[in-house]
N, C-alpha and C. Protein backbone atom coordinates (compact mmCIF):
# COMPACT_ATOMS: atom_id res chain seq x y z
N MET A 1 9.53 3.84 6.30
CA MET A 1 8.36 3.21 5.69
C MET A 1 7.62 2.37 6.73
N ILE A 2 6.33 2.61 6.87
CA ILE A 2 5.50 1.86 7.81
C ILE A 2 4.93 0.65 7.09
N ARG A 3 5.23 -0.54 7.61
CA ARG A 3 4.82 -1.78 6.97
C ARG A 3 3.48 -2.24 7.57
N VAL A 4 2.53 -2.58 6.68
CA VAL A 4 1.16 -2.87 7.09
C VAL A 4 0.69 -4.21 6.53
N VAL A 5 -0.08 -4.95 7.34
CA VAL A 5 -0.79 -6.14 6.87
C VAL A 5 -2.28 -5.85 6.99
N VAL A 6 -3.04 -6.23 5.97
CA VAL A 6 -4.49 -6.01 5.95
C VAL A 6 -5.19 -7.35 6.10
N ALA A 7 -6.01 -7.50 7.14
CA ALA A 7 -6.73 -8.74 7.40
C ALA A 7 -8.23 -8.48 7.40
N ASP A 8 -8.93 -9.02 6.41
CA ASP A 8 -10.37 -8.87 6.29
C ASP A 8 -10.89 -9.99 5.40
N ASP A 9 -12.02 -10.58 5.77
CA ASP A 9 -12.52 -11.71 4.98
C ASP A 9 -13.25 -11.27 3.72
N GLN A 10 -13.53 -9.99 3.58
CA GLN A 10 -14.19 -9.49 2.37
C GLN A 10 -13.13 -8.97 1.40
N ALA A 11 -13.03 -9.62 0.25
CA ALA A 11 -11.99 -9.28 -0.71
C ALA A 11 -12.06 -7.83 -1.17
N LEU A 12 -13.26 -7.31 -1.34
CA LEU A 12 -13.42 -5.94 -1.81
C LEU A 12 -12.87 -4.95 -0.79
N ILE A 13 -13.21 -5.14 0.47
CA ILE A 13 -12.72 -4.25 1.53
C ILE A 13 -11.22 -4.40 1.69
N ARG A 14 -10.75 -5.64 1.67
CA ARG A 14 -9.32 -5.90 1.80
C ARG A 14 -8.54 -5.21 0.68
N GLY A 15 -9.06 -5.34 -0.54
CA GLY A 15 -8.41 -4.71 -1.68
C GLY A 15 -8.44 -3.20 -1.59
N SER A 16 -9.57 -2.66 -1.13
CA SER A 16 -9.70 -1.21 -1.01
C SER A 16 -8.71 -0.65 0.00
N PHE A 17 -8.59 -1.32 1.14
CA PHE A 17 -7.63 -0.88 2.15
C PHE A 17 -6.20 -0.95 1.62
N THR A 18 -5.92 -2.01 0.88
CA THR A 18 -4.57 -2.19 0.33
C THR A 18 -4.21 -1.07 -0.64
N VAL A 19 -5.13 -0.76 -1.54
CA VAL A 19 -4.90 0.32 -2.51
C VAL A 19 -4.73 1.66 -1.79
N LEU A 20 -5.58 1.89 -0.79
CA LEU A 20 -5.54 3.14 -0.03
C LEU A 20 -4.20 3.31 0.68
N VAL A 21 -3.76 2.26 1.35
CA VAL A 21 -2.51 2.32 2.11
C VAL A 21 -1.31 2.44 1.17
N ASP A 22 -1.29 1.64 0.13
CA ASP A 22 -0.14 1.63 -0.79
C ASP A 22 0.02 2.95 -1.55
N ALA A 23 -1.04 3.75 -1.62
CA ALA A 23 -0.96 5.03 -2.33
C ALA A 23 -0.20 6.08 -1.53
N GLU A 24 0.04 5.81 -0.25
CA GLU A 24 0.74 6.77 0.61
C GLU A 24 2.26 6.53 0.53
N PRO A 25 3.05 7.59 0.41
CA PRO A 25 4.50 7.44 0.25
C PRO A 25 5.21 6.83 1.45
N ASP A 26 4.59 6.94 2.64
CA ASP A 26 5.25 6.43 3.85
C ASP A 26 4.65 5.12 4.36
N LEU A 27 3.70 4.55 3.60
CA LEU A 27 3.02 3.32 4.01
C LEU A 27 3.18 2.25 2.94
N GLU A 28 3.28 1.00 3.37
CA GLU A 28 3.44 -0.11 2.43
C GLU A 28 2.74 -1.36 2.95
N VAL A 29 1.88 -1.96 2.12
CA VAL A 29 1.23 -3.21 2.49
C VAL A 29 2.17 -4.36 2.16
N VAL A 30 2.50 -5.15 3.17
CA VAL A 30 3.45 -6.26 2.98
C VAL A 30 2.76 -7.61 3.05
N GLY A 31 1.44 -7.62 3.22
CA GLY A 31 0.73 -8.89 3.25
C GLY A 31 -0.75 -8.69 3.47
N GLU A 32 -1.54 -9.70 3.05
CA GLU A 32 -2.98 -9.69 3.24
C GLU A 32 -3.42 -11.02 3.83
N ALA A 33 -4.57 -11.00 4.50
CA ALA A 33 -5.11 -12.22 5.09
C ALA A 33 -6.63 -12.18 4.99
N SER A 34 -7.23 -13.33 4.72
CA SER A 34 -8.68 -13.41 4.57
C SER A 34 -9.38 -14.01 5.79
N ASN A 35 -8.59 -14.40 6.79
CA ASN A 35 -9.17 -14.89 8.04
C ASN A 35 -8.16 -14.71 9.17
N GLY A 36 -8.60 -14.96 10.40
CA GLY A 36 -7.73 -14.73 11.53
C GLY A 36 -6.49 -15.60 11.55
N ALA A 37 -6.64 -16.85 11.15
CA ALA A 37 -5.48 -17.75 11.14
C ALA A 37 -4.42 -17.27 10.16
N GLU A 38 -4.87 -16.82 8.99
CA GLU A 38 -3.93 -16.28 8.01
C GLU A 38 -3.28 -15.01 8.53
N ALA A 39 -4.05 -14.20 9.23
CA ALA A 39 -3.51 -12.96 9.79
C ALA A 39 -2.36 -13.24 10.73
N VAL A 40 -2.52 -14.25 11.57
CA VAL A 40 -1.45 -14.63 12.50
C VAL A 40 -0.23 -15.12 11.72
N GLU A 41 -0.47 -15.97 10.73
CA GLU A 41 0.62 -16.52 9.93
C GLU A 41 1.41 -15.43 9.21
N VAL A 42 0.67 -14.52 8.57
CA VAL A 42 1.33 -13.45 7.82
C VAL A 42 2.06 -12.49 8.77
N ALA A 43 1.45 -12.16 9.88
CA ALA A 43 2.08 -11.24 10.84
C ALA A 43 3.36 -11.82 11.41
N LEU A 44 3.34 -13.11 11.73
CA LEU A 44 4.54 -13.74 12.28
C LEU A 44 5.65 -13.82 11.24
N ALA A 45 5.26 -13.96 9.97
CA ALA A 45 6.27 -14.05 8.90
C ALA A 45 6.81 -12.69 8.52
N GLN A 46 5.94 -11.70 8.43
CA GLN A 46 6.34 -10.38 7.94
C GLN A 46 6.71 -9.40 9.05
N ARG A 47 6.19 -9.62 10.24
CA ARG A 47 6.41 -8.71 11.37
C ARG A 47 6.18 -7.25 10.98
N PRO A 48 4.97 -6.95 10.54
CA PRO A 48 4.65 -5.57 10.14
C PRO A 48 4.58 -4.64 11.34
N ASP A 49 4.61 -3.36 11.07
CA ASP A 49 4.45 -2.38 12.15
C ASP A 49 3.01 -2.35 12.64
N VAL A 50 2.06 -2.48 11.69
CA VAL A 50 0.64 -2.38 12.02
C VAL A 50 -0.15 -3.44 11.25
N VAL A 51 -1.12 -4.05 11.92
CA VAL A 51 -2.07 -4.94 11.27
C VAL A 51 -3.44 -4.30 11.34
N LEU A 52 -4.06 -4.09 10.18
CA LEU A 52 -5.45 -3.64 10.13
C LEU A 52 -6.30 -4.91 10.26
N MET A 53 -7.00 -5.06 11.37
CA MET A 53 -7.63 -6.33 11.71
C MET A 53 -9.15 -6.23 11.78
N ASP A 54 -9.83 -7.02 10.97
CA ASP A 54 -11.28 -7.13 11.07
C ASP A 54 -11.62 -7.98 12.28
N VAL A 55 -12.84 -7.87 12.80
CA VAL A 55 -13.23 -8.65 13.97
C VAL A 55 -13.86 -9.98 13.55
N ARG A 56 -14.90 -9.89 12.74
CA ARG A 56 -15.63 -11.10 12.35
C ARG A 56 -15.01 -11.73 11.11
N MET A 57 -14.24 -12.80 11.31
CA MET A 57 -13.61 -13.52 10.21
C MET A 57 -13.72 -15.01 10.48
N PRO A 58 -13.70 -15.83 9.41
CA PRO A 58 -13.79 -17.29 9.60
C PRO A 58 -12.50 -17.88 10.16
N GLU A 59 -12.61 -19.14 10.61
CA GLU A 59 -11.50 -19.93 11.15
C GLU A 59 -10.99 -19.41 12.50
N MET A 60 -10.69 -18.12 12.55
CA MET A 60 -10.28 -17.50 13.81
C MET A 60 -10.70 -16.03 13.74
N ASP A 61 -11.36 -15.53 14.78
CA ASP A 61 -11.80 -14.13 14.71
C ASP A 61 -10.64 -13.18 14.98
N GLY A 62 -10.90 -11.91 14.74
CA GLY A 62 -9.85 -10.90 14.87
C GLY A 62 -9.38 -10.69 16.31
N ILE A 63 -10.26 -10.98 17.27
CA ILE A 63 -9.89 -10.82 18.68
C ILE A 63 -8.81 -11.84 19.05
N GLU A 64 -9.04 -13.10 18.71
CA GLU A 64 -8.06 -14.14 19.02
C GLU A 64 -6.78 -13.93 18.23
N ALA A 65 -6.91 -13.51 16.97
CA ALA A 65 -5.72 -13.24 16.16
C ALA A 65 -4.89 -12.12 16.78
N THR A 66 -5.58 -11.09 17.28
CA THR A 66 -4.88 -9.98 17.95
C THR A 66 -4.13 -10.48 19.17
N ARG A 67 -4.77 -11.33 19.94
CA ARG A 67 -4.15 -11.87 21.15
C ARG A 67 -2.85 -12.61 20.81
N ARG A 68 -2.82 -13.26 19.67
CA ARG A 68 -1.66 -14.09 19.30
C ARG A 68 -0.50 -13.30 18.69
N ILE A 69 -0.79 -12.11 18.20
CA ILE A 69 0.30 -11.34 17.55
C ILE A 69 0.62 -10.04 18.26
N LYS A 70 0.02 -9.79 19.41
CA LYS A 70 0.18 -8.50 20.07
C LYS A 70 1.63 -8.18 20.43
N ASP A 71 2.45 -9.22 20.60
CA ASP A 71 3.85 -8.99 20.94
C ASP A 71 4.73 -8.87 19.70
N VAL A 72 4.13 -9.03 18.53
CA VAL A 72 4.88 -8.96 17.27
C VAL A 72 4.58 -7.68 16.52
N SER A 73 3.30 -7.33 16.45
CA SER A 73 2.87 -6.15 15.70
C SER A 73 1.79 -5.40 16.47
N ARG A 74 1.65 -4.13 16.20
CA ARG A 74 0.55 -3.35 16.77
C ARG A 74 -0.69 -3.58 15.92
N VAL A 75 -1.83 -3.64 16.57
CA VAL A 75 -3.08 -3.98 15.88
C VAL A 75 -4.06 -2.82 15.94
N LEU A 76 -4.58 -2.47 14.78
CA LEU A 76 -5.65 -1.49 14.67
C LEU A 76 -6.90 -2.24 14.22
N VAL A 77 -7.85 -2.41 15.11
CA VAL A 77 -9.07 -3.14 14.79
C VAL A 77 -9.99 -2.24 13.99
N VAL A 78 -10.42 -2.73 12.83
CA VAL A 78 -11.33 -1.97 11.96
C VAL A 78 -12.54 -2.86 11.69
N THR A 79 -13.70 -2.42 12.16
CA THR A 79 -14.88 -3.28 12.06
C THR A 79 -16.13 -2.49 11.68
N MET A 80 -17.14 -3.19 11.20
CA MET A 80 -18.42 -2.57 10.89
C MET A 80 -19.28 -2.44 12.13
N PHE A 81 -18.90 -3.13 13.19
CA PHE A 81 -19.79 -3.27 14.33
C PHE A 81 -19.36 -2.40 15.50
N ASP A 82 -20.18 -1.42 15.80
CA ASP A 82 -19.89 -0.47 16.88
C ASP A 82 -20.51 -0.99 18.18
N LEU A 83 -19.94 -2.08 18.70
CA LEU A 83 -20.50 -2.71 19.88
C LEU A 83 -19.52 -2.65 21.05
N ASP A 84 -20.05 -2.40 22.24
CA ASP A 84 -19.21 -2.27 23.43
C ASP A 84 -18.32 -3.49 23.64
N ALA A 85 -18.89 -4.67 23.47
CA ALA A 85 -18.14 -5.89 23.74
C ALA A 85 -16.92 -5.98 22.84
N TYR A 86 -17.06 -5.56 21.58
CA TYR A 86 -15.92 -5.61 20.67
C TYR A 86 -14.83 -4.63 21.11
N VAL A 87 -15.23 -3.45 21.55
CA VAL A 87 -14.25 -2.47 22.01
C VAL A 87 -13.45 -3.05 23.17
N TYR A 88 -14.16 -3.56 24.15
CA TYR A 88 -13.49 -4.11 25.33
C TYR A 88 -12.61 -5.31 24.96
N ASP A 89 -13.19 -6.25 24.23
CA ASP A 89 -12.45 -7.48 23.90
C ASP A 89 -11.21 -7.19 23.06
N ALA A 90 -11.34 -6.25 22.11
CA ALA A 90 -10.20 -5.94 21.24
C ALA A 90 -9.08 -5.31 22.03
N LEU A 91 -9.39 -4.36 22.89
CA LEU A 91 -8.36 -3.70 23.68
C LEU A 91 -7.77 -4.65 24.71
N ARG A 92 -8.62 -5.48 25.30
CA ARG A 92 -8.12 -6.44 26.29
C ARG A 92 -7.19 -7.46 25.64
N ALA A 93 -7.45 -7.78 24.38
CA ALA A 93 -6.62 -8.74 23.66
C ALA A 93 -5.27 -8.15 23.26
N GLY A 94 -5.16 -6.82 23.32
CA GLY A 94 -3.88 -6.20 23.01
C GLY A 94 -3.90 -5.23 21.86
N ALA A 95 -5.09 -4.93 21.32
CA ALA A 95 -5.17 -3.96 20.22
C ALA A 95 -4.79 -2.57 20.71
N SER A 96 -4.20 -1.79 19.81
CA SER A 96 -3.80 -0.42 20.16
C SER A 96 -4.79 0.62 19.67
N GLY A 97 -5.81 0.19 18.96
CA GLY A 97 -6.79 1.15 18.47
C GLY A 97 -8.01 0.44 17.92
N PHE A 98 -9.08 1.21 17.73
CA PHE A 98 -10.37 0.67 17.30
C PHE A 98 -11.05 1.69 16.41
N LEU A 99 -11.35 1.31 15.17
CA LEU A 99 -12.03 2.20 14.24
C LEU A 99 -13.19 1.47 13.55
N LEU A 100 -14.17 2.23 13.12
CA LEU A 100 -15.26 1.67 12.32
C LEU A 100 -14.91 1.79 10.85
N LYS A 101 -15.49 0.90 10.04
CA LYS A 101 -15.16 0.87 8.61
C LYS A 101 -15.69 2.09 7.86
N ASP A 102 -16.60 2.84 8.46
CA ASP A 102 -17.07 4.05 7.79
C ASP A 102 -16.22 5.27 8.15
N THR A 103 -15.08 5.04 8.82
CA THR A 103 -14.15 6.12 9.12
C THR A 103 -13.62 6.70 7.81
N PRO A 104 -13.54 8.03 7.68
CA PRO A 104 -13.00 8.64 6.46
C PRO A 104 -11.59 8.11 6.16
N PRO A 105 -11.25 7.90 4.88
CA PRO A 105 -9.95 7.35 4.50
C PRO A 105 -8.77 8.09 5.12
N ALA A 106 -8.82 9.41 5.13
CA ALA A 106 -7.71 10.18 5.69
C ALA A 106 -7.52 9.88 7.17
N ASP A 107 -8.63 9.68 7.89
CA ASP A 107 -8.55 9.37 9.32
C ASP A 107 -7.98 7.98 9.55
N LEU A 108 -8.34 7.04 8.67
CA LEU A 108 -7.80 5.69 8.81
C LEU A 108 -6.29 5.68 8.58
N LEU A 109 -5.84 6.39 7.57
CA LEU A 109 -4.41 6.47 7.28
C LEU A 109 -3.65 7.11 8.44
N GLU A 110 -4.21 8.16 9.00
CA GLU A 110 -3.57 8.81 10.13
C GLU A 110 -3.55 7.88 11.34
N ALA A 111 -4.60 7.07 11.49
CA ALA A 111 -4.65 6.11 12.59
C ALA A 111 -3.52 5.10 12.47
N VAL A 112 -3.23 4.66 11.26
CA VAL A 112 -2.12 3.72 11.05
C VAL A 112 -0.81 4.35 11.50
N ARG A 113 -0.63 5.61 11.17
CA ARG A 113 0.61 6.31 11.56
C ARG A 113 0.69 6.48 13.08
N VAL A 114 -0.44 6.81 13.70
CA VAL A 114 -0.49 6.98 15.15
C VAL A 114 -0.11 5.68 15.85
N ILE A 115 -0.70 4.58 15.40
CA ILE A 115 -0.43 3.27 16.00
C ILE A 115 1.03 2.88 15.78
N ALA A 116 1.54 3.14 14.59
CA ALA A 116 2.91 2.74 14.24
C ALA A 116 3.95 3.44 15.11
N ARG A 117 3.68 4.67 15.51
CA ARG A 117 4.68 5.38 16.32
C ARG A 117 4.55 5.09 17.81
N GLY A 118 3.68 4.13 18.14
CA GLY A 118 3.62 3.67 19.51
C GLY A 118 2.53 4.27 20.36
N ASP A 119 1.70 5.11 19.77
CA ASP A 119 0.60 5.70 20.52
C ASP A 119 -0.64 4.81 20.39
N ALA A 120 -1.64 5.08 21.19
CA ALA A 120 -2.90 4.36 21.11
C ALA A 120 -3.96 5.27 20.51
N LEU A 121 -4.80 4.68 19.70
CA LEU A 121 -5.89 5.44 19.11
C LEU A 121 -7.14 5.13 19.91
N LEU A 122 -7.39 5.93 20.92
CA LEU A 122 -8.53 5.71 21.80
C LEU A 122 -9.31 7.00 21.89
N ALA A 123 -10.17 7.21 20.94
CA ALA A 123 -10.95 8.43 20.88
C ALA A 123 -11.91 8.52 22.06
N PRO A 124 -12.28 9.73 22.46
CA PRO A 124 -13.20 9.89 23.58
C PRO A 124 -14.48 9.05 23.45
N ALA A 125 -15.01 8.95 22.22
CA ALA A 125 -16.24 8.17 22.03
C ALA A 125 -16.01 6.70 22.36
N VAL A 126 -14.85 6.18 21.97
CA VAL A 126 -14.53 4.79 22.28
C VAL A 126 -14.34 4.62 23.78
N THR A 127 -13.67 5.58 24.40
CA THR A 127 -13.46 5.51 25.84
C THR A 127 -14.80 5.50 26.58
N ARG A 128 -15.74 6.32 26.10
CA ARG A 128 -17.06 6.36 26.74
C ARG A 128 -17.75 5.00 26.64
N ARG A 129 -17.64 4.36 25.47
CA ARG A 129 -18.26 3.05 25.31
C ARG A 129 -17.60 2.04 26.25
N LEU A 130 -16.29 2.16 26.39
CA LEU A 130 -15.55 1.25 27.27
C LEU A 130 -16.00 1.44 28.72
N ILE A 131 -16.15 2.69 29.13
CA ILE A 131 -16.61 2.99 30.49
C ILE A 131 -18.00 2.42 30.72
N GLU A 132 -18.87 2.57 29.71
CA GLU A 132 -20.23 2.04 29.83
C GLU A 132 -20.21 0.52 29.97
N GLU A 133 -19.29 -0.13 29.26
CA GLU A 133 -19.18 -1.58 29.35
C GLU A 133 -18.80 -2.00 30.76
N PHE A 134 -17.81 -1.30 31.36
CA PHE A 134 -17.41 -1.62 32.72
C PHE A 134 -18.54 -1.32 33.71
N THR A 135 -19.33 -0.29 33.41
CA THR A 135 -20.44 0.06 34.29
C THR A 135 -21.47 -1.05 34.34
N ARG A 136 -21.75 -1.63 33.18
CA ARG A 136 -22.74 -2.71 33.10
C ARG A 136 -22.19 -4.02 33.65
N THR A 137 -20.92 -4.27 33.41
CA THR A 137 -20.33 -5.55 33.79
C THR A 137 -19.07 -5.32 34.61
N PRO A 138 -19.20 -5.08 35.91
CA PRO A 138 -18.02 -4.84 36.76
C PRO A 138 -17.06 -6.02 36.68
N VAL A 139 -15.78 -5.72 36.68
CA VAL A 139 -14.77 -6.77 36.62
C VAL A 139 -14.09 -6.93 37.96
N MET A 140 -13.56 -8.12 38.19
CA MET A 140 -12.80 -8.36 39.42
C MET A 140 -11.42 -7.72 39.29
N PRO A 141 -10.94 -7.06 40.33
CA PRO A 141 -9.60 -6.47 40.27
C PRO A 141 -8.54 -7.52 39.99
N ARG A 142 -7.55 -7.16 39.21
CA ARG A 142 -6.45 -8.08 38.92
C ARG A 142 -5.58 -8.25 40.16
N VAL A 143 -4.97 -9.41 40.24
CA VAL A 143 -4.10 -9.71 41.38
C VAL A 143 -2.90 -8.77 41.40
N LYS A 144 -2.41 -8.43 40.21
CA LYS A 144 -1.18 -7.63 40.11
C LYS A 144 -1.30 -6.29 40.81
N GLY A 145 -2.45 -5.63 40.68
CA GLY A 145 -2.65 -4.35 41.33
C GLY A 145 -1.76 -3.25 40.78
N LEU A 146 -1.53 -2.24 41.63
CA LEU A 146 -0.79 -1.05 41.20
C LEU A 146 0.43 -0.83 42.09
N ASN A 147 1.09 -1.89 42.45
CA ASN A 147 2.27 -1.77 43.30
C ASN A 147 3.34 -0.90 42.65
N GLY A 148 3.87 0.05 43.43
CA GLY A 148 4.93 0.91 42.92
C GLY A 148 4.46 2.17 42.23
N VAL A 149 3.15 2.28 42.01
CA VAL A 149 2.60 3.47 41.36
C VAL A 149 2.35 4.55 42.41
N THR A 150 2.87 5.75 42.18
CA THR A 150 2.73 6.84 43.14
C THR A 150 1.31 7.41 43.11
N GLU A 151 0.97 8.20 44.11
CA GLU A 151 -0.36 8.81 44.17
C GLU A 151 -0.60 9.74 42.99
N ARG A 152 0.43 10.50 42.60
CA ARG A 152 0.27 11.39 41.45
C ARG A 152 0.07 10.58 40.17
N GLU A 153 0.79 9.49 40.05
CA GLU A 153 0.64 8.64 38.86
C GLU A 153 -0.75 8.01 38.82
N LYS A 154 -1.29 7.69 39.99
CA LYS A 154 -2.66 7.16 40.04
C LYS A 154 -3.66 8.22 39.58
N GLU A 155 -3.42 9.48 39.96
CA GLU A 155 -4.29 10.56 39.49
C GLU A 155 -4.27 10.64 37.97
N VAL A 156 -3.08 10.56 37.41
CA VAL A 156 -2.95 10.61 35.95
C VAL A 156 -3.65 9.41 35.32
N LEU A 157 -3.50 8.25 35.92
CA LEU A 157 -4.11 7.04 35.38
C LEU A 157 -5.63 7.14 35.37
N VAL A 158 -6.19 7.70 36.43
CA VAL A 158 -7.64 7.89 36.49
C VAL A 158 -8.11 8.80 35.35
N LEU A 159 -7.38 9.86 35.10
CA LEU A 159 -7.76 10.81 34.04
C LEU A 159 -7.61 10.19 32.67
N ILE A 160 -6.59 9.37 32.48
CA ILE A 160 -6.43 8.64 31.22
C ILE A 160 -7.64 7.73 31.00
N ALA A 161 -8.03 7.03 32.06
CA ALA A 161 -9.16 6.11 31.97
C ALA A 161 -10.47 6.83 31.67
N ARG A 162 -10.53 8.11 32.01
CA ARG A 162 -11.73 8.90 31.73
C ARG A 162 -11.69 9.53 30.34
N GLY A 163 -10.62 9.25 29.59
CA GLY A 163 -10.56 9.70 28.21
C GLY A 163 -9.95 11.07 27.99
N LEU A 164 -9.30 11.64 29.00
CA LEU A 164 -8.70 12.96 28.83
C LEU A 164 -7.41 12.86 28.01
N SER A 165 -7.16 13.87 27.20
CA SER A 165 -5.92 13.95 26.43
C SER A 165 -4.80 14.43 27.34
N ASN A 166 -3.57 14.37 26.85
CA ASN A 166 -2.43 14.84 27.65
C ASN A 166 -2.59 16.31 28.03
N ASN A 167 -3.02 17.12 27.08
CA ASN A 167 -3.21 18.55 27.35
C ASN A 167 -4.28 18.78 28.40
N GLU A 168 -5.36 18.00 28.33
CA GLU A 168 -6.44 18.14 29.30
C GLU A 168 -5.98 17.70 30.69
N ILE A 169 -5.17 16.65 30.74
CA ILE A 169 -4.64 16.19 32.03
C ILE A 169 -3.73 17.26 32.64
N ALA A 170 -2.89 17.86 31.80
CA ALA A 170 -1.99 18.91 32.27
C ALA A 170 -2.78 20.08 32.86
N ALA A 171 -3.85 20.48 32.17
CA ALA A 171 -4.67 21.59 32.65
C ALA A 171 -5.39 21.22 33.95
N HIS A 172 -5.88 20.00 34.02
CA HIS A 172 -6.62 19.55 35.20
C HIS A 172 -5.72 19.50 36.43
N LEU A 173 -4.48 19.05 36.26
CA LEU A 173 -3.57 18.90 37.40
C LEU A 173 -2.67 20.13 37.60
N HIS A 174 -2.79 21.11 36.69
CA HIS A 174 -1.97 22.32 36.77
C HIS A 174 -0.48 22.01 36.72
N VAL A 175 -0.12 21.15 35.76
CA VAL A 175 1.29 20.80 35.55
C VAL A 175 1.60 20.97 34.07
N SER A 176 2.87 20.86 33.72
CA SER A 176 3.26 21.02 32.32
C SER A 176 2.95 19.76 31.52
N LEU A 177 2.88 19.93 30.20
CA LEU A 177 2.65 18.79 29.31
C LEU A 177 3.80 17.79 29.43
N ALA A 178 5.01 18.30 29.57
CA ALA A 178 6.18 17.42 29.70
C ALA A 178 6.07 16.56 30.95
N THR A 179 5.55 17.14 32.04
CA THR A 179 5.38 16.38 33.28
C THR A 179 4.36 15.26 33.10
N VAL A 180 3.27 15.55 32.40
CA VAL A 180 2.26 14.53 32.13
C VAL A 180 2.87 13.39 31.32
N LYS A 181 3.64 13.73 30.30
CA LYS A 181 4.26 12.69 29.47
C LYS A 181 5.22 11.83 30.28
N THR A 182 5.92 12.45 31.22
CA THR A 182 6.83 11.70 32.08
C THR A 182 6.06 10.72 32.95
N HIS A 183 4.95 11.18 33.52
CA HIS A 183 4.13 10.30 34.35
C HIS A 183 3.61 9.11 33.52
N ILE A 184 3.18 9.39 32.30
CA ILE A 184 2.64 8.33 31.46
C ILE A 184 3.73 7.32 31.08
N THR A 185 4.92 7.82 30.78
CA THR A 185 6.04 6.92 30.47
C THR A 185 6.33 6.00 31.65
N ARG A 186 6.29 6.56 32.85
CA ARG A 186 6.55 5.74 34.05
C ARG A 186 5.43 4.74 34.30
N LEU A 187 4.19 5.16 34.04
CA LEU A 187 3.06 4.25 34.20
C LEU A 187 3.18 3.07 33.23
N LEU A 188 3.54 3.36 32.00
CA LEU A 188 3.69 2.29 31.01
C LEU A 188 4.73 1.27 31.46
N ALA A 189 5.83 1.78 32.02
CA ALA A 189 6.91 0.89 32.47
C ALA A 189 6.49 0.09 33.70
N LYS A 190 5.92 0.76 34.69
CA LYS A 190 5.57 0.10 35.94
C LYS A 190 4.45 -0.93 35.77
N LEU A 191 3.52 -0.63 34.88
CA LEU A 191 2.37 -1.51 34.69
C LEU A 191 2.55 -2.48 33.53
N GLU A 192 3.72 -2.40 32.90
CA GLU A 192 4.03 -3.26 31.76
C GLU A 192 2.94 -3.18 30.70
N ALA A 193 2.50 -1.95 30.46
CA ALA A 193 1.46 -1.70 29.46
C ALA A 193 2.10 -1.26 28.15
N ARG A 194 1.53 -1.69 27.05
CA ARG A 194 2.10 -1.38 25.75
C ARG A 194 1.78 0.05 25.32
N ASP A 195 0.62 0.55 25.72
CA ASP A 195 0.22 1.87 25.27
C ASP A 195 -0.94 2.38 26.12
N ARG A 196 -1.47 3.51 25.72
CA ARG A 196 -2.54 4.18 26.47
C ARG A 196 -3.78 3.30 26.60
N ALA A 197 -4.09 2.56 25.56
CA ALA A 197 -5.27 1.70 25.59
C ALA A 197 -5.16 0.68 26.71
N GLN A 198 -3.98 0.11 26.88
CA GLN A 198 -3.78 -0.87 27.93
C GLN A 198 -3.82 -0.24 29.32
N LEU A 199 -3.42 1.03 29.41
CA LEU A 199 -3.52 1.73 30.70
C LEU A 199 -4.98 1.88 31.12
N VAL A 200 -5.86 2.14 30.16
CA VAL A 200 -7.28 2.26 30.47
C VAL A 200 -7.80 0.94 31.04
N ILE A 201 -7.46 -0.15 30.38
CA ILE A 201 -7.89 -1.47 30.86
C ILE A 201 -7.38 -1.72 32.28
N THR A 202 -6.09 -1.42 32.49
CA THR A 202 -5.47 -1.65 33.80
C THR A 202 -6.14 -0.82 34.89
N ALA A 203 -6.50 0.42 34.57
CA ALA A 203 -7.14 1.30 35.56
C ALA A 203 -8.42 0.69 36.09
N TYR A 204 -9.19 0.05 35.20
CA TYR A 204 -10.44 -0.58 35.63
C TYR A 204 -10.21 -1.92 36.29
N GLU A 205 -9.34 -2.73 35.70
CA GLU A 205 -9.17 -4.08 36.23
C GLU A 205 -8.42 -4.09 37.56
N SER A 206 -7.70 -3.03 37.85
CA SER A 206 -7.01 -2.95 39.15
C SER A 206 -7.95 -2.48 40.24
N GLY A 207 -9.11 -1.94 39.84
CA GLY A 207 -10.05 -1.42 40.81
C GLY A 207 -9.84 0.06 41.13
N LEU A 208 -8.83 0.69 40.49
CA LEU A 208 -8.58 2.11 40.74
C LEU A 208 -9.76 2.96 40.28
N VAL A 209 -10.30 2.61 39.13
CA VAL A 209 -11.46 3.33 38.58
C VAL A 209 -12.65 2.39 38.60
N THR A 210 -13.76 2.91 39.07
CA THR A 210 -15.00 2.12 39.11
C THR A 210 -16.09 2.92 38.43
N ALA A 211 -17.24 2.31 38.27
CA ALA A 211 -18.36 2.99 37.63
C ALA A 211 -18.77 4.24 38.38
N ALA A 212 -18.53 4.25 39.67
CA ALA A 212 -18.97 5.38 40.49
C ALA A 212 -17.95 6.50 40.53
N ARG A 213 -16.75 6.22 40.00
CA ARG A 213 -15.70 7.22 40.14
C ARG A 213 -15.40 7.87 38.83
């Protein structure tokens, strides 16, 4: 059973998400929150697998709430606002996925399952917006860098940052899917990244990927 917390300041949306999730045999809502502070409190108490997190909420926004619970639960940001800054800020804060509220119900439910099993929900469209954000606002490389990452792993990291799927990476590098998964597992460990979304952030902040590359 995948345990879920729903955080949204609009009671109607919060209730709708709760009913939708609870109707699934493998999903269960274990708490609700009407603002970011409540979301943190409920997440720390319940330790759910996934938090459906709104961005714009009173007292504390969803970005800060995500930052505070990222080591406790995986966060799927669900918002009405399709803005580059929100995509970047949510992923940088530790979110594992980003969806708009007009996403079809079936896709939202599948997103919860994807996040719960440890994958990142980073659709190509979101990745493109993220790349555009970095293009407009270059970031300073992180001090940590990419120490210990092999040249082949750097190639894989660049392709991940460009939004390629595992199958596409395998085809591009002419290697097996299993080999790609092994490289990604090693990248996650070496870079202390929680998931694919964090690898994208690291690729840019380390300076490996730039707007020109």
